[in-house]
């Protein structure tokens, strides 16, 4: 199935085809009109010359034909493109140019006036054959050389074809350029709506297309898109509320289950149950983190990214040391002011550090860094993330190895959600020497210049 082209190109192609067809029809009509008018004028001129010759023909005392002086002067004054002769039934010239010679058999000798055309290697001739008197056996033949410089009517028609074609091409190009400007101006509301839709985000589902400002032809589409967005917003809200409500409702049963585990006599069974409940508690906590990030309003608070990173390293250090790993902070001495939510950034940092602890072997090192452009990084020297897994690693509940139960697949999803709330994204880069580095760039607060 071929891909449909743009509306602009379709309109221009159809308009160009319509203009070309209309122009060709009009040009052909004008050409036919000019050609028929030129042919009529030629016939009128030939007839007038033939009538002048017929009035001026006289027979002398010797029986020969002569042309009276005024008629001869009229014929000579008509121009060098005309010639005349009088022929008999056999086609022999009895008066005029080449007297005594025979004319071409193509010259008609009919009972009435007959127009004809002759072609030679160098010229085209238009002629008229008119009988002299009634049954006299003679015909007056008037011929005009159409290639002679004196004949301009045919030249005008031929020049019309050449210059008319050039003029048509120029007019067509100008009209298409004007059409391009008109159509682009007419499609501005559509392009503006497309740009508007491109800015839509799950955190800003209240934005709608301004359907009242749309052209009549596009308004039904804009209304349909807004209705679809309403349904998406309702569905997303139901899903978000369900996750938050389910996570909150699970907290109480989990607390009760933990208390009842203490009553289990078998220490090994109790330890296994307690580990499972801890894991379930972490999942519930992560679901609440995601719900919290989903419901976060636009953030313009100013926080010290460096202080948040140092605090996260201090909080996670006991867990890292207990697992046989090292964790350190790499940043400057001063503060790094950025726009963001301290609560959400702390959760994202915790999720990134937990992810590094989970995927690195004992003896690995984790470096949390803060950079001058507002970028937060968490790097490790573990195995890294395979190229084929990177497109999926930020999805909720995605795990490469689903056979185990220790990892929920929500950690990096929380990080991605926090990044989206802050109008940024999570980037991945390999750590030099091997490992994974996750980066989130926050908007730094620019200090105002001193007046």
Protein backbone atom coordinates (compact mmCIF):
# COMPACT_ATOMS: atom_id res chain seq x y z
CA UNK A 1 0.00 0.00 0.00
CA UNK A 2 1.53 3.31 -1.10
CA UNK A 3 2.02 6.04 1.45
CA UNK A 4 -0.33 9.01 0.89
CA UNK A 5 1.38 12.28 0.05
CA UNK A 6 0.90 15.58 1.81
CA UNK A 7 -2.28 17.63 1.39
CA UNK A 8 -0.17 20.53 0.10
CA UNK A 9 1.41 18.46 -2.67
CA UNK A 10 -1.96 16.98 -3.63
CA UNK A 11 -3.60 20.40 -3.89
CA UNK A 12 -0.70 21.78 -5.91
CA UNK A 13 -0.62 18.80 -8.29
CA UNK A 14 -4.39 18.86 -8.84
CA UNK A 15 -4.42 22.63 -9.28
CA UNK A 16 -1.47 22.44 -11.66
CA UNK A 17 -3.24 19.75 -13.71
CA UNK A 18 -6.44 21.81 -13.77
CA UNK A 19 -4.58 24.98 -14.75
CA UNK A 20 -2.58 23.17 -17.42
CA UNK A 21 -5.68 21.56 -18.90
CA UNK A 22 -7.58 24.87 -18.83
CA UNK A 23 -4.64 26.74 -20.34
CA UNK A 24 -4.17 24.18 -23.11
CA UNK A 25 -7.89 24.28 -23.94
CA UNK A 26 -7.93 28.08 -24.00
CA UNK A 27 -4.69 28.25 -26.00
CA UNK A 28 -5.97 25.67 -28.49
CA UNK A 29 -9.24 27.59 -28.85
CA UNK A 30 -7.37 30.84 -29.43
CA UNK A 31 -5.06 29.16 -31.93
CA UNK A 32 -7.97 27.65 -33.84
CA UNK A 33 -9.71 31.03 -33.82
CA UNK A 34 -6.61 32.80 -35.10
CA UNK A 35 -5.99 30.12 -37.71
CA UNK A 36 -9.57 30.22 -38.95
CA UNK A 37 -9.52 34.03 -38.96
CA UNK A 38 -6.25 34.07 -40.93
CA UNK A 39 -7.65 31.55 -43.39
CA UNK A 40 -10.83 33.62 -43.82
CA UNK A 41 -8.81 36.80 -44.37
CA UNK A 42 -6.65 35.01 -46.95
CA UNK A 43 -9.72 33.79 -48.80
CA UNK A 44 -11.30 37.24 -48.73
CA UNK A 45 -8.09 38.77 -50.08
CA UNK A 46 -7.77 36.16 -52.84
CA UNK A 47 -11.44 36.62 -53.79
CA UNK A 48 -11.04 40.41 -53.94
CA UNK A 49 -8.01 40.03 -56.21
CA UNK A 50 -9.81 37.57 -58.44
CA UNK A 51 -12.80 39.93 -58.78
CA UNK A 52 -10.45 42.80 -59.63
CA UNK A 53 -8.81 40.69 -62.32
CA UNK A 54 -12.15 39.56 -63.71
CA UNK A 55 -13.35 43.15 -64.04
CA UNK A 56 -10.10 44.18 -65.71
CA UNK A 57 -9.88 41.43 -68.33
CA UNK A 58 -10.53 42.52 -71.95
CA UNK A 59 -9.94 40.97 -75.38
CA UNK A 60 -8.00 42.89 -77.88
CA UNK A 61 -8.72 43.09 -81.63
CA UNK A 62 -6.45 40.15 -82.17
CA UNK A 63 -8.54 38.00 -79.75
CA UNK A 64 -5.83 37.95 -77.06
CA UNK A 65 -6.61 38.71 -73.44
CA UNK A 66 -5.31 41.86 -71.82
CA UNK A 67 -5.54 43.39 -68.36
CA UNK A 68 -6.65 47.00 -68.17
CA UNK A 69 -4.22 49.41 -66.58
CA UNK A 70 -6.19 50.19 -63.43
CA UNK A 71 -6.64 46.47 -62.69
CA UNK A 72 -2.94 45.78 -63.29
CA UNK A 73 -2.02 48.66 -60.98
CA UNK A 74 -4.32 47.28 -58.27
CA UNK A 75 -2.74 43.85 -58.52
CA UNK A 76 0.79 45.24 -58.43
CA UNK A 77 -0.10 47.42 -55.43
CA UNK A 78 -1.26 44.39 -53.45
CA UNK A 79 2.30 43.27 -52.78
CA UNK A 80 4.99 41.00 -54.13
CA UNK A 81 3.53 37.96 -52.37
CA UNK A 82 0.69 37.76 -54.96
CA UNK A 83 0.87 36.48 -58.50
CA UNK A 84 -1.84 35.79 -61.05
CA UNK A 85 -2.39 34.01 -64.33
CA UNK A 86 -5.22 33.02 -66.65
CA UNK A 87 -5.25 29.40 -67.80
CA UNK A 88 -7.31 27.44 -70.28
CA UNK A 89 -8.80 23.98 -70.01
CA UNK A 90 -5.49 22.33 -70.74
CA UNK A 91 -3.76 24.22 -67.96
CA UNK A 92 -1.78 26.43 -70.35
CA UNK A 93 -1.12 29.98 -69.18
CA UNK A 94 -2.70 32.46 -71.57
CA UNK A 95 -2.14 35.59 -69.47
CA UNK A 96 0.18 36.41 -66.59
CA UNK A 97 3.48 35.03 -65.28
CA UNK A 98 5.12 32.27 -67.35
CA UNK A 99 2.80 32.79 -70.31
CA UNK A 100 2.55 29.72 -72.51
CA UNK A 101 3.68 27.34 -69.77
CA UNK A 102 1.51 24.70 -68.21
CA UNK A 103 0.42 24.91 -64.60
CA UNK A 104 0.38 22.07 -62.10
CA UNK A 105 -2.53 19.68 -62.50
CA UNK A 106 -3.28 20.32 -58.81
CA UNK A 107 -4.69 23.75 -59.73
CA UNK A 108 -8.46 23.13 -59.88
CA UNK A 109 -10.49 24.02 -62.97
CA UNK A 110 -13.96 23.64 -61.54
CA UNK A 111 -17.22 25.33 -62.64
CA UNK A 112 -17.16 27.51 -59.52
CA UNK A 113 -14.54 29.22 -57.33
CA UNK A 114 -12.12 26.74 -55.72
CA UNK A 115 -9.54 27.41 -53.03
CA UNK A 116 -6.42 25.27 -52.91
CA UNK A 117 -2.98 24.97 -51.35
CA UNK A 118 0.30 23.95 -52.87
CA UNK A 119 3.55 22.97 -51.20
CA UNK A 120 7.01 23.22 -52.63
CA UNK A 121 10.40 22.61 -51.10
CA UNK A 122 10.80 26.25 -50.11
CA UNK A 123 7.30 27.68 -49.73
CA UNK A 124 3.61 27.13 -49.16
CA UNK A 125 1.10 28.74 -51.54
CA UNK A 126 -2.54 29.56 -51.02
CA UNK A 127 -4.59 30.04 -54.17
CA UNK A 128 -8.01 30.60 -55.74
CA UNK A 129 -9.26 29.40 -59.10
CA UNK A 130 -12.29 31.27 -60.57
CA UNK A 131 -13.90 30.56 -63.98
CA UNK A 132 -14.04 33.51 -66.41
CA UNK A 133 -17.57 34.11 -67.61
CA UNK A 134 -20.00 31.29 -68.34
CA UNK A 135 -18.40 28.31 -70.03
CA UNK A 136 -15.57 30.35 -71.46
CA UNK A 137 -13.00 27.65 -70.81
CA UNK A 138 -10.74 30.05 -68.92
CA UNK A 139 -9.89 30.38 -65.22
CA UNK A 140 -8.34 33.18 -63.26
CA UNK A 141 -5.76 31.81 -60.76
CA UNK A 142 -4.59 34.06 -57.91
CA UNK A 143 -1.75 32.70 -55.76
CA UNK A 144 -0.22 34.07 -52.57
CA UNK A 145 3.19 32.94 -51.31
CA UNK A 146 2.61 32.43 -47.57
CA UNK A 147 6.36 32.37 -46.87
CA UNK A 148 6.89 35.81 -48.35
CA UNK A 149 7.92 38.51 -45.84
CA UNK A 150 4.85 40.56 -46.78
CA UNK A 151 2.58 37.87 -45.35
CA UNK A 152 2.45 38.43 -41.58
CA UNK A 153 -0.83 36.74 -40.62
CA UNK A 154 0.60 33.23 -40.71
CA UNK A 155 3.72 34.47 -38.94
CA UNK A 156 1.54 35.89 -36.18
CA UNK A 157 -0.20 32.54 -35.72
CA UNK A 158 3.12 30.66 -35.61
CA UNK A 159 4.66 33.15 -33.19
CA UNK A 160 1.58 32.82 -31.03
CA UNK A 161 2.31 29.13 -30.63
CA UNK A 162 5.92 29.75 -29.56
CA UNK A 163 5.51 32.78 -27.34
CA UNK A 164 2.12 31.64 -26.13
CA UNK A 165 3.66 28.40 -24.85
CA UNK A 166 6.40 30.32 -23.03
CA UNK A 167 3.86 32.74 -21.58
CA UNK A 168 1.64 29.86 -20.46
CA UNK A 169 4.59 28.18 -18.73
CA UNK A 170 5.49 31.45 -16.95
CA UNK A 171 1.90 32.11 -15.87
CA UNK A 172 1.58 28.51 -14.66
CA UNK A 173 4.76 28.83 -12.57
CA UNK A 174 3.57 32.13 -11.05
CA UNK A 175 0.13 30.70 -10.29
CA UNK A 176 1.66 27.64 -8.63
CA UNK A 177 3.89 29.87 -6.49
CA UNK A 178 0.85 31.92 -5.47
CA UNK A 179 -1.05 28.68 -4.80
CA UNK A 180 1.79 27.48 -2.61
CA UNK A 181 1.60 30.61 -0.46
CA UNK A 182 -2.21 30.48 -0.30
CA UNK A 183 -2.38 26.81 0.61
CA UNK A 184 0.38 27.10 3.20
CA UNK A 185 -1.45 30.01 4.78
CA UNK A 186 -4.70 28.05 4.73
CA UNK A 187 -3.00 25.05 6.37
CA UNK A 188 -1.44 27.09 9.19
CA UNK A 189 -4.18 26.09 11.68
CA UNK A 190 -3.54 22.42 10.84
CA UNK A 191 0.22 22.79 11.33
CA UNK A 192 -0.37 24.68 14.58
CA UNK A 193 -2.66 21.88 15.78
CA UNK A 194 -0.02 19.29 14.90
CA UNK A 195 2.61 21.19 16.88
CA UNK A 196 0.15 21.48 19.75
CA UNK A 197 -0.51 17.73 19.80
CA UNK A 198 3.24 17.05 19.74
CA UNK A 199 3.59 18.81 23.09
CA UNK A 200 0.98 16.63 24.81
CA UNK A 201 2.29 14.54 27.68
CA UNK A 202 0.79 12.13 30.18
CA UNK A 203 1.41 14.77 32.83
CA UNK A 204 -0.48 17.42 30.90
CA UNK A 205 -3.55 15.57 29.64
CA UNK A 206 -5.81 18.58 30.16
CA UNK A 207 -4.44 20.29 27.05
CA UNK A 208 -6.84 20.21 24.09
CA UNK A 209 -6.85 21.40 20.50
CA UNK A 210 -8.49 24.81 19.97
CA UNK A 211 -11.26 23.37 17.77
CA UNK A 212 -13.19 26.67 17.73
CA UNK A 213 -10.28 28.26 15.86
CA UNK A 214 -10.06 25.47 13.28
CA UNK A 215 -11.35 25.83 9.70
CA UNK A 216 -14.76 24.25 9.10
CA UNK A 217 -13.24 21.33 7.17
CA UNK A 218 -10.75 20.49 9.94
CA UNK A 219 -12.98 21.16 12.96
CA UNK A 220 -14.60 17.67 13.06
CA UNK A 221 -11.14 16.08 13.19
CA UNK A 222 -10.06 18.42 16.01
CA UNK A 223 -13.24 17.65 17.95
CA UNK A 224 -12.68 13.89 17.47
CA UNK A 225 -9.05 14.22 18.67
CA UNK A 226 -10.19 16.13 21.78
CA UNK A 227 -12.79 13.48 22.53
CA UNK A 228 -10.14 10.77 22.16
CA UNK A 229 -7.87 12.71 24.52
CA UNK A 230 -10.72 12.91 27.03
CA UNK A 231 -11.06 9.13 26.95
CA UNK A 232 -7.29 8.67 27.28
CA UNK A 233 -7.18 11.04 30.25
CA UNK A 234 -10.03 9.22 31.98
CA UNK A 235 -8.41 5.83 31.37
CA UNK A 236 -5.03 7.03 32.58
CA UNK A 237 -6.59 8.55 35.66
CA UNK A 238 -8.39 5.31 36.50
CA UNK A 239 -5.17 3.33 36.10
CA UNK A 240 -3.16 5.79 38.19
CA UNK A 241 -5.76 5.85 40.95
CA UNK A 242 -5.95 2.06 40.97
CA UNK A 243 -2.17 1.70 41.42
CA UNK A 244 -2.12 4.26 44.23
CA UNK A 245 -5.19 2.81 45.98
CA UNK A 246 -3.95 -0.77 45.66
CA UNK A 247 -0.53 0.16 47.08
CA UNK A 248 -2.09 2.00 50.02
CA UNK A 249 -4.51 -0.86 50.74
CA UNK A 250 -1.67 -3.41 50.75
CA UNK A 251 0.23 -1.63 53.49
CA UNK A 252 -2.04 -2.74 56.32
CA UNK A 253 -2.15 -6.45 55.32
CA UNK A 254 1.63 -6.40 55.00
CA UNK A 255 2.05 -4.96 58.49
CA UNK A 256 -0.27 -7.61 59.91
CA UNK A 257 1.56 -10.39 58.03
CA UNK A 258 4.91 -9.21 59.43
CA UNK A 259 3.57 -9.40 62.99
CA UNK A 260 2.21 -12.89 62.40
CA UNK A 261 5.56 -14.05 60.98
CA UNK A 262 7.07 -13.44 64.40
CA UNK A 263 4.75 -16.11 65.77
CA UNK A 264 6.05 -18.79 63.39
CA UNK A 265 8.02 -21.35 65.38
CA UNK A 266 10.24 -22.55 62.55
CA UNK A 267 13.03 -19.94 62.28
CA UNK A 268 13.94 -20.96 58.71
CA UNK A 269 10.36 -20.65 57.48
CA UNK A 270 9.96 -17.35 59.34
CA UNK A 271 13.11 -15.95 57.70
CA UNK A 272 11.90 -16.96 54.22
CA UNK A 273 8.48 -15.43 54.85
CA UNK A 274 10.04 -12.27 56.23
CA UNK A 275 12.23 -11.95 53.08
CA UNK A 276 9.21 -12.38 50.85
CA UNK A 277 7.25 -9.79 52.82
CA UNK A 278 10.18 -7.36 52.60
CA UNK A 279 10.27 -7.81 48.85
CA UNK A 280 6.52 -7.25 48.61
CA UNK A 281 6.91 -4.18 50.81
CA UNK A 282 9.55 -2.79 48.46
CA UNK A 283 7.22 -3.33 45.47
CA UNK A 284 4.38 -1.55 47.28
CA UNK A 285 6.73 1.30 48.14
CA UNK A 286 7.85 1.56 44.53
CA UNK A 287 4.25 1.59 43.31
CA UNK A 288 3.56 4.44 45.70
CA UNK A 289 6.64 6.25 44.39
CA UNK A 290 5.36 5.91 40.82
CA UNK A 291 1.89 7.10 41.84
CA UNK A 292 3.46 10.03 43.66
CA UNK A 293 5.51 10.97 40.58
CA UNK A 294 2.45 10.58 38.33
CA UNK A 295 0.47 13.03 40.45
CA UNK A 296 3.29 15.54 40.84
CA UNK A 297 2.40 19.09 39.71
CA UNK A 298 4.75 21.17 37.53
CA UNK A 299 7.96 21.64 39.50
CA UNK A 300 9.82 24.95 39.83
CA UNK A 301 11.32 24.50 43.32
CA UNK A 302 15.03 25.22 43.74
CA UNK A 303 17.01 22.38 45.33
CA UNK A 304 20.68 21.67 45.96
CA UNK A 305 21.44 18.65 43.79
CA UNK A 306 24.83 18.19 45.41
CA UNK A 307 23.37 17.98 48.90
CA UNK A 308 20.72 15.50 47.77
CA UNK A 309 23.36 13.28 46.14
CA UNK A 310 25.62 13.33 49.22
CA UNK A 311 22.68 12.45 51.48
CA UNK A 312 21.68 9.55 49.22
CA UNK A 313 25.24 8.18 49.27
CA UNK A 314 25.32 8.37 53.06
CA UNK A 315 21.94 6.63 53.37
CA UNK A 316 22.85 3.80 50.96
CA UNK A 317 26.42 3.28 52.16
CA UNK A 318 25.53 0.72 54.90
CA UNK A 319 23.58 -1.36 52.38
CA UNK A 320 26.45 -1.21 49.87
CA UNK A 321 29.08 -2.12 52.45
CA UNK A 322 26.95 -4.99 53.74
CA UNK A 323 26.88 -6.39 50.17
CA UNK A 324 30.64 -6.08 49.76
CA UNK A 325 30.51 -3.06 47.44
CA UNK A 326 31.87 0.46 47.75
CA UNK A 327 29.98 3.69 47.10
CA UNK A 328 31.39 7.22 46.80
CA UNK A 329 30.36 10.74 45.87
CA UNK A 330 32.12 12.74 43.16
CA UNK A 331 31.25 16.43 42.99
CA UNK A 332 32.37 19.95 43.75
CA UNK A 333 32.51 21.74 47.07
CA UNK A 334 29.78 24.31 46.49
CA UNK A 335 26.08 23.79 45.94
CA UNK A 336 24.51 22.89 42.57
CA UNK A 337 21.14 24.65 42.43
CA UNK A 338 18.61 23.10 40.03
CA UNK A 339 14.85 23.24 39.53
CA UNK A 340 13.22 20.09 40.90
CA UNK A 341 11.52 18.20 43.67
CA UNK A 342 13.84 17.11 46.48
CA UNK A 343 11.51 14.24 47.38
CA UNK A 344 11.33 12.84 43.83
CA UNK A 345 15.03 13.33 43.08
CA UNK A 346 15.90 11.48 46.29
CA UNK A 347 13.68 8.58 45.24
CA UNK A 348 15.22 8.49 41.76
CA UNK A 349 18.71 8.48 43.31
CA UNK A 350 17.76 5.66 45.63
CA UNK A 351 16.35 3.63 42.73
CA UNK A 352 19.50 4.13 40.64
CA UNK A 353 21.79 3.13 43.52
CA UNK A 354 19.65 0.08 44.32
CA UNK A 355 19.75 -0.90 40.64
CA UNK A 356 23.57 -0.65 40.67
CA UNK A 357 23.78 -2.71 43.87
CA UNK A 358 21.50 -5.36 42.42
CA UNK A 359 23.39 -5.76 39.11
CA UNK A 360 27.01 -5.55 40.26
CA UNK A 361 29.02 -8.34 41.90
CA UNK A 362 30.67 -8.01 45.33
CA UNK A 363 33.77 -5.88 45.15
CA UNK A 364 32.24 -3.49 42.61
CA UNK A 365 32.31 0.28 43.12
CA UNK A 366 29.50 2.80 42.59
CA UNK A 367 30.16 6.50 41.96
CA UNK A 368 27.41 9.12 42.35
CA UNK A 369 28.37 12.32 40.57
CA UNK A 370 27.02 15.86 40.20
CA UNK A 371 28.27 17.94 37.27
CA UNK A 372 28.39 21.66 36.62
CA UNK A 373 25.63 21.57 33.97
CA UNK A 374 23.12 20.08 36.42
CA UNK A 375 23.66 16.46 35.39
CA UNK A 376 23.30 13.73 37.99
CA UNK A 377 25.15 10.48 37.25
CA UNK A 378 25.30 7.05 38.86
CA UNK A 379 28.12 4.87 37.48
CA UNK A 380 29.24 1.36 38.32
CA UNK A 381 31.90 -1.04 37.05
CA UNK A 382 29.57 -4.01 36.72
CA UNK A 383 28.59 -5.87 33.54
CA UNK A 384 26.59 -2.95 32.08
CA UNK A 385 23.38 -3.22 30.05
CA UNK A 386 23.37 -5.15 26.79
CA UNK A 387 22.52 -3.10 23.70
CA UNK A 388 19.44 -5.19 22.94
CA UNK A 389 18.08 -4.59 26.47
CA UNK A 390 18.46 -0.80 26.55
CA UNK A 391 15.21 0.01 24.67
CA UNK A 392 13.23 -1.94 27.32
CA UNK A 393 15.06 -1.22 30.57
CA UNK A 394 12.93 1.82 31.54
CA UNK A 395 9.60 0.03 31.10
CA UNK A 396 7.58 -0.83 34.18
CA UNK A 397 7.96 -4.42 35.42
CA UNK A 398 10.51 -5.24 32.71
CA UNK A 399 13.14 -7.76 33.79
CA UNK A 400 15.65 -9.53 31.61
CA UNK A 401 15.63 -12.58 33.88
CA UNK A 402 12.08 -13.37 34.97
CA UNK A 403 12.97 -16.60 36.71
CA UNK A 404 14.01 -14.85 39.94
CA UNK A 405 11.82 -12.94 42.36
CA UNK A 406 14.30 -10.54 43.95
CA UNK A 407 13.85 -7.75 41.42
CA UNK A 408 10.48 -6.15 40.62
CA UNK A 409 11.43 -4.26 37.46
CA UNK A 410 10.10 -0.94 38.83
CA UNK A 411 13.34 0.81 39.88
CA UNK A 412 14.35 2.29 36.55
CA UNK A 413 10.68 2.95 35.71
CA UNK A 414 10.54 5.20 38.79
CA UNK A 415 13.69 6.99 37.60
CA UNK A 416 12.19 7.49 34.13
CA UNK A 417 8.96 8.83 35.63
CA UNK A 418 10.81 11.28 37.86
CA UNK A 419 12.80 12.45 34.83
CA UNK A 420 9.59 13.00 32.83
CA UNK A 421 8.08 15.02 35.68
CA UNK A 422 11.17 17.24 35.50
CA UNK A 423 10.82 17.58 31.70
CA UNK A 424 14.01 15.65 31.04
CA UNK A 425 15.04 12.07 30.32
CA UNK A 426 17.30 9.28 31.48
CA UNK A 427 20.40 8.73 29.34
CA UNK A 428 22.63 5.67 29.37
CA UNK A 429 26.35 5.56 28.74
CA UNK A 430 28.90 2.85 29.22
CA UNK A 431 31.38 3.34 32.03
CA UNK A 432 35.00 3.49 30.80
CA UNK A 433 36.56 0.11 31.51
CA UNK A 434 33.15 -1.59 31.69
CA UNK A 435 29.92 -0.96 33.54
CA UNK A 436 26.82 1.21 33.32
CA UNK A 437 26.36 4.95 33.78
CA UNK A 438 22.89 6.51 34.08
CA UNK A 439 22.54 10.28 33.67
CA UNK A 440 19.71 12.73 34.33
CA UNK A 441 20.19 16.36 33.42
CA UNK A 442 18.19 18.83 35.53
CA UNK A 443 17.68 22.47 34.65
CA UNK A 444 20.27 24.51 36.55
CA UNK A 445 19.36 27.78 38.22
CA UNK A 446 21.26 30.58 36.55
CA UNK A 447 22.39 33.25 38.97
CA UNK A 448 21.22 36.74 38.09
CA UNK A 449 23.96 39.12 36.97
CA UNK A 450 25.07 41.70 39.52
CA UNK A 451 23.76 45.14 38.53
